[in-house]
Amino acid sequence: MVAASKIKKTQDLMFGGRPYSEKVKEVIEHIASSSSEYSHPFYEERKNKSTCYLVVGSDKGLCGGLNINLFKKIVSEAAENQKNGIETSFALIGIKAVTFFGNLGGKVLGQATKLGDKPNPEDLIGLTKIVLDEQKKGNIDRVVLCSNKFVNTMTQQPTLQQLIPLTHDDNKEPTISSQWDYIYEPEAKVLLDGLLTRYIESLIFQAVLENNACEQAAKMIAMKNATENAGDLIKELELLYNNVRQAAITQELSEIVGGAAAV
């Protein structure tokens, strides 16, 4: 009941954030696809020697397999990276993610917890800056955003999305305006650096909002299933109790009748 009362609010926040993320992406694609005199490092394709997984988990449990399904997918890919000699590190959001990967013994760059049902983007800036600074220094070649995507109330899909290097949308048909160059004020480096940083922050924040909606939906389903299972178990125990009680009464009657016949 608590999850059901919260799910509408978390969904409203999630759907409200999507248009902003999509519009920022459109602007970024438009500018980056133009013949700019500056190529940003976030678009730079490097030989992958180090991958950072930015994991979005929940702060609380009782949400079924929501967290563990995502974590298993990450661990599987990280194990494959280890076989290929790729160093793996983690940036963690949510107490469940911090606990799981802390116990796993992975290299943790930073963490953010207790964001609440209405997270503030400012609470994620520190963690985002740590990851982006490591990428700019060359310590990280690839950043993967790992979170649960909200499909509907019954379905939450664990998703691993490449965050850096940023990729262009090849399916989008180029327009005449997308071929224009721009006059930058301030210079392209300053403008694109700020714009791309804001874009990545918006993707991470949107992933947190989506994961919150997934958490409440998963809690509602998990508690509903638990209630139904408890009801079935109670029915089975009541039937067993009645059978045992009936058998005890029958045995007592048989003993009484047998004793009376003997007398």
C-alpha atoms as a PDB file:
ATOM      1  CA  MET A   1       0.000   0.000   0.000  1.00  0.00           C
ATOM      2  CA  VAL A   2       2.888   2.352   0.767  1.00  0.00           C
ATOM      3  CA  ALA A   3       4.543   1.568  -2.583  1.00  0.00           C
ATOM      4  CA  ALA A   4       1.233   2.003  -4.401  1.00  0.00           C
ATOM      5  CA  SER A   5       0.814   5.459  -2.865  1.00  0.00           C
ATOM      6  CA  LYS A   6       4.346   6.488  -3.925  1.00  0.00           C
ATOM      7  CA  ILE A   7       4.452   5.033  -7.415  1.00  0.00           C
ATOM      8  CA  LYS A   8       2.329   7.789  -9.002  1.00  0.00           C
ATOM      9  CA  LYS A   9       4.658  10.506  -7.683  1.00  0.00           C
ATOM     10  CA  THR A  10       7.819   8.715  -8.812  1.00  0.00           C
ATOM     11  CA  GLN A  11       6.309   8.093 -12.246  1.00  0.00           C
ATOM     12  CA  ASP A  12       5.379  11.769 -12.584  1.00  0.00           C
ATOM     13  CA  LEU A  13       8.972  12.762 -11.769  1.00  0.00           C
ATOM     14  CA  MET A  14      10.325  10.198 -14.233  1.00  0.00           C
ATOM     15  CA  PHE A  15       8.038  11.235 -17.110  1.00  0.00           C
ATOM     16  CA  GLY A  16       8.661  14.887 -16.305  1.00  0.00           C
ATOM     17  CA  GLY A  17      12.417  14.440 -16.656  1.00  0.00           C
ATOM     18  CA  ARG A  18      12.350  12.614 -19.986  1.00  0.00           C
ATOM     19  CA  PRO A  19      11.566  15.631 -22.229  1.00  0.00           C
ATOM     20  CA  TYR A  20      14.514  17.564 -20.762  1.00  0.00           C
ATOM     21  CA  SER A  21      16.947  14.677 -21.342  1.00  0.00           C
ATOM     22  CA  GLU A  22      15.682  14.151 -24.871  1.00  0.00           C
ATOM     23  CA  LYS A  23      15.907  17.867 -25.728  1.00  0.00           C
ATOM     24  CA  VAL A  24      19.439  18.167 -24.346  1.00  0.00           C
ATOM     25  CA  LYS A  25      20.429  15.127 -26.409  1.00  0.00           C
ATOM     26  CA  GLU A  26      18.934  16.732 -29.520  1.00  0.00           C
ATOM     27  CA  VAL A  27      20.892  19.941 -28.951  1.00  0.00           C
ATOM     28  CA  ILE A  28      24.114  18.008 -28.297  1.00  0.00           C
ATOM     29  CA  GLU A  29      23.669  15.929 -31.443  1.00  0.00           C
ATOM     30  CA  HIS A  30      22.980  19.052 -33.481  1.00  0.00           C
ATOM     31  CA  ILE A  31      26.106  20.865 -32.283  1.00  0.00           C
ATOM     32  CA  ALA A  32      28.437  17.849 -32.236  1.00  0.00           C
ATOM     33  CA  SER A  33      27.472  16.826 -35.785  1.00  0.00           C
ATOM     34  CA  SER A  34      28.346  20.251 -37.131  1.00  0.00           C
ATOM     35  CA  SER A  35      31.819  20.933 -38.478  1.00  0.00           C
ATOM     36  CA  SER A  36      33.157  22.307 -35.231  1.00  0.00           C
ATOM     37  CA  GLU A  37      36.783  23.308 -34.834  1.00  0.00           C
ATOM     38  CA  TYR A  38      36.901  21.465 -31.505  1.00  0.00           C
ATOM     39  CA  SER A  39      36.539  17.732 -30.881  1.00  0.00           C
ATOM     40  CA  HIS A  40      35.507  16.998 -27.305  1.00  0.00           C
ATOM     41  CA  PRO A  41      37.299  14.205 -25.335  1.00  0.00           C
ATOM     42  CA  PHE A  42      33.939  12.620 -24.443  1.00  0.00           C
ATOM     43  CA  TYR A  43      33.595  11.599 -28.104  1.00  0.00           C
ATOM     44  CA  GLU A  44      37.123  10.219 -28.279  1.00  0.00           C
ATOM     45  CA  GLU A  45      37.311   6.503 -29.065  1.00  0.00           C
ATOM     46  CA  ARG A  46      40.144   4.902 -27.095  1.00  0.00           C
ATOM     47  CA  LYS A  47      41.451   1.391 -26.761  1.00  0.00           C
ATOM     48  CA  ASN A  48      39.455   0.060 -23.823  1.00  0.00           C
ATOM     49  CA  LYS A  49      41.902  -0.677 -21.005  1.00  0.00           C
ATOM     50  CA  SER A  50      39.703   0.512 -18.137  1.00  0.00           C
ATOM     51  CA  THR A  51      35.908   0.542 -17.728  1.00  0.00           C
ATOM     52  CA  CYS A  52      33.909   2.252 -14.999  1.00  0.00           C
ATOM     53  CA  TYR A  53      30.383   1.037 -14.208  1.00  0.00           C
ATOM     54  CA  LEU A  54      28.151   3.762 -12.802  1.00  0.00           C
ATOM     55  CA  VAL A  55      25.581   1.653 -10.969  1.00  0.00           C
ATOM     56  CA  VAL A  56      22.166   2.947  -9.887  1.00  0.00           C
ATOM     57  CA  GLY A  57      20.626   0.804  -7.147  1.00  0.00           C
ATOM     58  CA  SER A  58      17.997   1.374  -4.472  1.00  0.00           C
ATOM     59  CA  ASP A  59      18.527   2.477  -0.875  1.00  0.00           C
ATOM     60  CA  LYS A  60      16.041  -0.047   0.524  1.00  0.00           C
ATOM     61  CA  GLY A  61      15.138  -3.679  -0.080  1.00  0.00           C
ATOM     62  CA  LEU A  62      11.832  -5.558  -0.257  1.00  0.00           C
ATOM     63  CA  CYS A  63      11.706  -4.989  -4.017  1.00  0.00           C
ATOM     64  CA  GLY A  64      12.106  -8.547  -5.267  1.00  0.00           C
ATOM     65  CA  GLY A  65      14.916  -9.212  -7.735  1.00  0.00           C
ATOM     66  CA  LEU A  66      15.141  -5.601  -8.953  1.00  0.00           C
ATOM     67  CA  ASN A  67      18.667  -4.954  -7.678  1.00  0.00           C
ATOM     68  CA  ILE A  68      20.148  -8.425  -7.927  1.00  0.00           C
ATOM     69  CA  ASN A  69      19.101  -8.896 -11.566  1.00  0.00           C
ATOM     70  CA  LEU A  70      20.963  -5.698 -12.496  1.00  0.00           C
ATOM     71  CA  PHE A  71      23.996  -6.551 -10.346  1.00  0.00           C
ATOM     72  CA  LYS A  72      24.304 -10.035 -11.862  1.00  0.00           C
ATOM     73  CA  LYS A  73      24.363  -8.528 -15.346  1.00  0.00           C
ATOM     74  CA  ILE A  74      27.137  -6.121 -14.326  1.00  0.00           C
ATOM     75  CA  VAL A  75      29.193  -8.823 -12.609  1.00  0.00           C
ATOM     76  CA  SER A  76      28.907 -11.046 -15.679  1.00  0.00           C
ATOM     77  CA  GLU A  77      30.213  -8.295 -17.979  1.00  0.00           C
ATOM     78  CA  ALA A  78      32.915  -7.277 -15.489  1.00  0.00           C
ATOM     79  CA  ALA A  79      34.145 -10.892 -15.325  1.00  0.00           C
ATOM     80  CA  GLU A  80      34.355 -10.937 -19.122  1.00  0.00           C
ATOM     81  CA  ASN A  81      36.360  -7.696 -19.011  1.00  0.00           C
ATOM     82  CA  GLN A  82      38.750  -9.223 -16.491  1.00  0.00           C
ATOM     83  CA  LYS A  83      39.406 -12.138 -18.844  1.00  0.00           C
ATOM     84  CA  ASN A  84      40.301  -9.632 -21.560  1.00  0.00           C
ATOM     85  CA  GLY A  85      42.646  -7.710 -19.280  1.00  0.00           C
ATOM     86  CA  ILE A  86      40.333  -4.701 -18.870  1.00  0.00           C
ATOM     87  CA  GLU A  87      40.501  -3.006 -15.467  1.00  0.00           C
ATOM     88  CA  THR A  88      37.112  -2.492 -13.811  1.00  0.00           C
ATOM     89  CA  SER A  89      35.991   0.178 -11.348  1.00  0.00           C
ATOM     90  CA  PHE A  90      32.628   1.244  -9.932  1.00  0.00           C
ATOM     91  CA  ALA A  91      30.787   4.469  -9.092  1.00  0.00           C
ATOM     92  CA  LEU A  92      27.801   3.583  -6.936  1.00  0.00           C
ATOM     93  CA  ILE A  93      24.408   5.150  -6.246  1.00  0.00           C
ATOM     94  CA  GLY A  94      22.172   3.621  -3.546  1.00  0.00           C
ATOM     95  CA  ILE A  95      22.922   1.691  -0.361  1.00  0.00           C
ATOM     96  CA  LYS A  96      22.194  -1.693  -1.968  1.00  0.00           C
ATOM     97  CA  ALA A  97      24.756  -1.048  -4.723  1.00  0.00           C
ATOM     98  CA  VAL A  98      27.354   0.171  -2.204  1.00  0.00           C
ATOM     99  CA  THR A  99      26.843  -2.891   0.002  1.00  0.00           C
ATOM    100  CA  PHE A 100      26.912  -5.416  -2.844  1.00  0.00           C
ATOM    101  CA  PHE A 101      29.962  -4.142  -4.714  1.00  0.00           C
ATOM    102  CA  GLY A 102      31.745  -3.248  -1.469  1.00  0.00           C
ATOM    103  CA  ASN A 103      31.443  -6.871  -0.343  1.00  0.00           C
ATOM    104  CA  LEU A 104      32.497  -7.962  -3.825  1.00  0.00           C
ATOM    105  CA  GLY A 105      35.817  -6.203  -3.335  1.00  0.00           C
ATOM    106  CA  GLY A 106      35.683  -4.051  -6.461  1.00  0.00           C
ATOM    107  CA  LYS A 107      37.496  -0.723  -6.896  1.00  0.00           C
ATOM    108  CA  VAL A 108      35.011   1.979  -5.876  1.00  0.00           C
ATOM    109  CA  LEU A 109      35.697   5.529  -7.127  1.00  0.00           C
ATOM    110  CA  GLY A 110      32.814   7.167  -5.271  1.00  0.00           C
ATOM    111  CA  GLN A 111      29.295   6.724  -3.959  1.00  0.00           C
ATOM    112  CA  ALA A 112      26.044   8.580  -3.347  1.00  0.00           C
ATOM    113  CA  THR A 113      23.326   7.268  -1.048  1.00  0.00           C
ATOM    114  CA  LYS A 114      20.055   8.287   0.636  1.00  0.00           C
ATOM    115  CA  LEU A 115      18.776  10.388  -2.265  1.00  0.00           C
ATOM    116  CA  GLY A 116      15.171   9.781  -1.224  1.00  0.00           C
ATOM    117  CA  ASP A 117      11.997   9.607  -3.278  1.00  0.00           C
ATOM    118  CA  LYS A 118      12.599  13.122  -4.658  1.00  0.00           C
ATOM    119  CA  PRO A 119      16.324  13.147  -5.515  1.00  0.00           C
ATOM    120  CA  ASN A 120      18.149  16.426  -6.009  1.00  0.00           C
ATOM    121  CA  PRO A 121      20.496  16.684  -9.041  1.00  0.00           C
ATOM    122  CA  GLU A 122      23.041  18.502  -6.848  1.00  0.00           C
ATOM    123  CA  ASP A 123      23.525  15.324  -4.794  1.00  0.00           C
ATOM    124  CA  LEU A 124      24.928  13.588  -7.895  1.00  0.00           C
ATOM    125  CA  ILE A 125      27.288  16.323  -9.090  1.00  0.00           C
ATOM    126  CA  GLY A 126      30.192  15.206  -6.865  1.00  0.00           C
ATOM    127  CA  LEU A 127      30.054  11.591  -8.012  1.00  0.00           C
ATOM    128  CA  THR A 128      29.673  12.618 -11.661  1.00  0.00           C
ATOM    129  CA  LYS A 129      32.666  14.965 -11.421  1.00  0.00           C
ATOM    130  CA  ILE A 130      34.866  12.197  -9.997  1.00  0.00           C
ATOM    131  CA  VAL A 131      34.057   9.898 -12.927  1.00  0.00           C
ATOM    132  CA  LEU A 132      34.441  12.610 -15.591  1.00  0.00           C
ATOM    133  CA  ASP A 133      37.749  13.819 -14.121  1.00  0.00           C
ATOM    134  CA  GLU A 134      39.117  10.270 -14.164  1.00  0.00           C
ATOM    135  CA  GLN A 135      38.057   9.941 -17.802  1.00  0.00           C
ATOM    136  CA  LYS A 136      39.715  13.241 -18.745  1.00  0.00           C
ATOM    137  CA  LYS A 137      42.945  12.169 -17.002  1.00  0.00           C
ATOM    138  CA  GLY A 138      42.972   8.973 -19.090  1.00  0.00           C
ATOM    139  CA  ASN A 139      42.448   6.631 -16.120  1.00  0.00           C
ATOM    140  CA  ILE A 140      39.079   5.510 -17.550  1.00  0.00           C
ATOM    141  CA  ASP A 141      38.471   4.754 -21.223  1.00  0.00           C
ATOM    142  CA  ARG A 142      34.814   3.743 -21.063  1.00  0.00           C
ATOM    143  CA  VAL A 143      31.924   4.601 -18.729  1.00  0.00           C
ATOM    144  CA  VAL A 144      28.777   2.459 -18.604  1.00  0.00           C
ATOM    145  CA  LEU A 145      25.559   3.643 -16.934  1.00  0.00           C
ATOM    146  CA  CYS A 146      23.778   0.702 -15.282  1.00  0.00           C
ATOM    147  CA  SER A 147      20.196   1.078 -14.077  1.00  0.00           C
ATOM    148  CA  ASN A 148      16.694  -0.356 -14.328  1.00  0.00           C
ATOM    149  CA  LYS A 149      14.521   1.023 -17.114  1.00  0.00           C
ATOM    150  CA  PHE A 150      10.831   1.491 -16.371  1.00  0.00           C
ATOM    151  CA  VAL A 151       8.776  -0.254 -19.064  1.00  0.00           C
ATOM    152  CA  ASN A 152       5.503  -0.545 -17.142  1.00  0.00           C
ATOM    153  CA  THR A 153       4.317  -1.376 -13.642  1.00  0.00           C
ATOM    154  CA  MET A 154       4.844  -5.111 -14.195  1.00  0.00           C
ATOM    155  CA  THR A 155       8.135  -4.886 -16.117  1.00  0.00           C
ATOM    156  CA  GLN A 156      11.464  -3.352 -15.110  1.00  0.00           C
ATOM    157  CA  GLN A 157      14.359  -3.953 -17.472  1.00  0.00           C
ATOM    158  CA  PRO A 158      18.012  -3.965 -16.273  1.00  0.00           C
ATOM    159  CA  THR A 159      19.928  -1.820 -18.758  1.00  0.00           C
ATOM    160  CA  LEU A 160      23.633  -1.179 -19.418  1.00  0.00           C
ATOM    161  CA  GLN A 161      24.098   1.971 -21.520  1.00  0.00           C
ATOM    162  CA  GLN A 162      27.455   3.290 -22.739  1.00  0.00           C
ATOM    163  CA  LEU A 163      27.846   6.794 -21.364  1.00  0.00           C
ATOM    164  CA  ILE A 164      31.376   7.614 -22.541  1.00  0.00           C
ATOM    165  CA  PRO A 165      32.513   7.739 -25.268  1.00  0.00           C
ATOM    166  CA  LEU A 166      29.333   9.416 -26.448  1.00  0.00           C
ATOM    167  CA  THR A 167      27.920   8.052 -29.665  1.00  0.00           C
ATOM    168  CA  HIS A 168      26.126   9.829 -32.486  1.00  0.00           C
ATOM    169  CA  ASP A 169      22.633   8.754 -33.484  1.00  0.00           C
ATOM    170  CA  ASP A 170      23.338   7.119 -36.855  1.00  0.00           C
ATOM    171  CA  ASN A 171      19.654   6.340 -37.431  1.00  0.00           C
ATOM    172  CA  LYS A 172      18.707  10.001 -37.463  1.00  0.00           C
ATOM    173  CA  GLU A 173      18.602  11.482 -40.955  1.00  0.00           C
ATOM    174  CA  PRO A 174      20.812  14.559 -41.323  1.00  0.00           C
ATOM    175  CA  THR A 175      19.077  17.853 -42.025  1.00  0.00           C
ATOM    176  CA  ILE A 176      20.376  20.940 -43.779  1.00  0.00           C
ATOM    177  CA  SER A 177      20.594  22.820 -40.484  1.00  0.00           C
ATOM    178  CA  SER A 178      22.654  20.026 -38.896  1.00  0.00           C
ATOM    179  CA  GLN A 179      25.404  20.672 -41.443  1.00  0.00           C
ATOM    180  CA  TRP A 180      25.833  24.288 -40.362  1.00  0.00           C
ATOM    181  CA  ASP A 181      28.755  25.380 -38.259  1.00  0.00           C
ATOM    182  CA  TYR A 182      28.267  27.725 -35.309  1.00  0.00           C
ATOM    183  CA  ILE A 183      29.845  30.873 -34.038  1.00  0.00           C
ATOM    184  CA  TYR A 184      30.655  30.030 -30.427  1.00  0.00           C
ATOM    185  CA  GLU A 185      30.432  32.499 -27.568  1.00  0.00           C
ATOM    186  CA  PRO A 186      32.320  31.700 -25.420  1.00  0.00           C
ATOM    187  CA  GLU A 187      34.755  29.527 -27.380  1.00  0.00           C
ATOM    188  CA  ALA A 188      33.711  26.019 -28.478  1.00  0.00           C
ATOM    189  CA  LYS A 189      35.828  24.254 -25.848  1.00  0.00           C
ATOM    190  CA  VAL A 190      34.207  26.074 -22.913  1.00  0.00           C
ATOM    191  CA  LEU A 191      30.693  25.824 -24.320  1.00  0.00           C
ATOM    192  CA  LEU A 192      30.829  22.150 -25.324  1.00  0.00           C
ATOM    193  CA  ASP A 193      32.563  21.124 -22.105  1.00  0.00           C
ATOM    194  CA  GLY A 194      29.771  22.665 -20.027  1.00  0.00           C
ATOM    195  CA  LEU A 195      27.010  21.443 -22.302  1.00  0.00           C
ATOM    196  CA  LEU A 196      28.267  17.856 -22.497  1.00  0.00           C
ATOM    197  CA  THR A 197      28.848  17.729 -18.743  1.00  0.00           C
ATOM    198  CA  ARG A 198      25.270  18.909 -18.179  1.00  0.00           C
ATOM    199  CA  TYR A 199      24.045  16.292 -20.666  1.00  0.00           C
ATOM    200  CA  ILE A 200      25.795  13.446 -18.840  1.00  0.00           C
ATOM    201  CA  GLU A 201      24.494  14.731 -15.495  1.00  0.00           C
ATOM    202  CA  SER A 202      20.953  14.758 -16.920  1.00  0.00           C
ATOM    203  CA  LEU A 203      21.320  11.144 -18.126  1.00  0.00           C
ATOM    204  CA  ILE A 204      22.474  10.000 -14.692  1.00  0.00           C
ATOM    205  CA  PHE A 205      19.715  11.943 -12.914  1.00  0.00           C
ATOM    206  CA  GLN A 206      17.094  10.532 -15.280  1.00  0.00           C
ATOM    207  CA  ALA A 207      18.426   7.015 -14.582  1.00  0.00           C
ATOM    208  CA  VAL A 208      17.935   7.650 -10.842  1.00  0.00           C
ATOM    209  CA  LEU A 209      14.346   8.819 -11.437  1.00  0.00           C
ATOM    210  CA  GLU A 210      13.630   5.753 -13.601  1.00  0.00           C
ATOM    211  CA  ASN A 211      15.132   3.460 -10.976  1.00  0.00           C
ATOM    212  CA  ASN A 212      12.968   5.036  -8.253  1.00  0.00           C
ATOM    213  CA  ALA A 213       9.840   4.351 -10.297  1.00  0.00           C
ATOM    214  CA  CYS A 214      11.045   0.784 -10.898  1.00  0.00           C
ATOM    215  CA  GLU A 215      11.701   0.347  -7.165  1.00  0.00           C
ATOM    216  CA  GLN A 216       8.172   1.333  -6.129  1.00  0.00           C
ATOM    217  CA  ALA A 217       6.612  -0.826  -8.855  1.00  0.00           C
ATOM    218  CA  ALA A 218       8.787  -3.809  -7.845  1.00  0.00           C
ATOM    219  CA  LYS A 219       7.920  -3.299  -4.171  1.00  0.00           C
ATOM    220  CA  MET A 220       4.216  -3.224  -4.952  1.00  0.00           C
ATOM    221  CA  ILE A 221       4.464  -6.458  -6.959  1.00  0.00           C
ATOM    222  CA  ALA A 222       6.747  -8.160  -4.412  1.00  0.00           C
ATOM    223  CA  MET A 223       4.477  -7.312  -1.479  1.00  0.00           C
ATOM    224  CA  LYS A 224       1.381  -8.352  -3.435  1.00  0.00           C
ATOM    225  CA  ASN A 225       2.996 -11.717  -4.201  1.00  0.00           C
ATOM    226  CA  ALA A 226       4.120 -12.072  -0.583  1.00  0.00           C
ATOM    227  CA  THR A 227       0.582 -11.357   0.657  1.00  0.00           C
ATOM    228  CA  GLU A 228      -0.915 -13.917  -1.733  1.00  0.00           C
ATOM    229  CA  ASN A 229       1.704 -16.525  -0.787  1.00  0.00           C
ATOM    230  CA  ALA A 230       1.072 -15.882   2.913  1.00  0.00           C
ATOM    231  CA  GLY A 231      -2.669 -16.327   2.333  1.00  0.00           C
ATOM    232  CA  ASP A 232      -2.093 -19.643   0.535  1.00  0.00           C
ATOM    233  CA  LEU A 233       0.205 -20.793   3.340  1.00  0.00           C
ATOM    234  CA  ILE A 234      -2.400 -19.891   5.980  1.00  0.00           C
ATOM    235  CA  LYS A 235      -5.038 -21.882   4.099  1.00  0.00           C
ATOM    236  CA  GLU A 236      -2.738 -24.916   3.903  1.00  0.00           C
ATOM    237  CA  LEU A 237      -1.895 -24.690   7.604  1.00  0.00           C
ATOM    238  CA  GLU A 238      -5.578 -24.335   8.549  1.00  0.00           C
ATOM    239  CA  LEU A 239      -6.404 -27.447   6.520  1.00  0.00           C
ATOM    240  CA  LEU A 240      -3.527 -29.342   8.137  1.00  0.00           C
ATOM    241  CA  TYR A 241      -4.630 -28.143  11.599  1.00  0.00           C
ATOM    242  CA  ASN A 242      -8.229 -29.251  10.993  1.00  0.00           C
ATOM    243  CA  ASN A 243      -7.096 -32.655   9.729  1.00  0.00           C
ATOM    244  CA  VAL A 244      -4.874 -33.208  12.790  1.00  0.00           C
ATOM    245  CA  ARG A 245      -7.616 -31.969  15.131  1.00  0.00           C
ATOM    246  CA  GLN A 246     -10.192 -34.262  13.492  1.00  0.00           C
ATOM    247  CA  ALA A 247      -7.840 -37.216  13.754  1.00  0.00           C
ATOM    248  CA  ALA A 248      -7.247 -36.495  17.460  1.00  0.00           C
ATOM    249  CA  ILE A 249     -11.024 -36.276  18.143  1.00  0.00           C
ATOM    250  CA  THR A 250     -11.665 -39.500  16.227  1.00  0.00           C
ATOM    251  CA  GLN A 251      -8.936 -41.278  18.211  1.00  0.00           C
ATOM    252  CA  GLU A 252     -10.361 -40.059  21.521  1.00  0.00           C
ATOM    253  CA  LEU A 253     -13.878 -41.232  20.553  1.00  0.00           C
ATOM    254  CA  SER A 254     -12.496 -44.619  19.536  1.00  0.00           C
ATOM    255  CA  GLU A 255     -10.726 -44.976  22.878  1.00  0.00           C
ATOM    256  CA  ILE A 256     -13.906 -44.019  24.776  1.00  0.00           C
ATOM    257  CA  VAL A 257     -16.028 -46.486  22.795  1.00  0.00           C
ATOM    258  CA  GLY A 258     -13.433 -49.211  23.215  1.00  0.00           C
ATOM    259  CA  GLY A 259     -13.220 -48.591  26.949  1.00  0.00           C
ATOM    260  CA  ALA A 260     -17.022 -48.677  27.334  1.00  0.00           C
ATOM    261  CA  ALA A 261     -17.240 -51.955  25.399  1.00  0.00           C
ATOM    262  CA  ALA A 262     -14.551 -53.494  27.596  1.00  0.00           C
ATOM    263  CA  VAL A 263     -16.483 -52.591  30.741  1.00  0.00           C
END
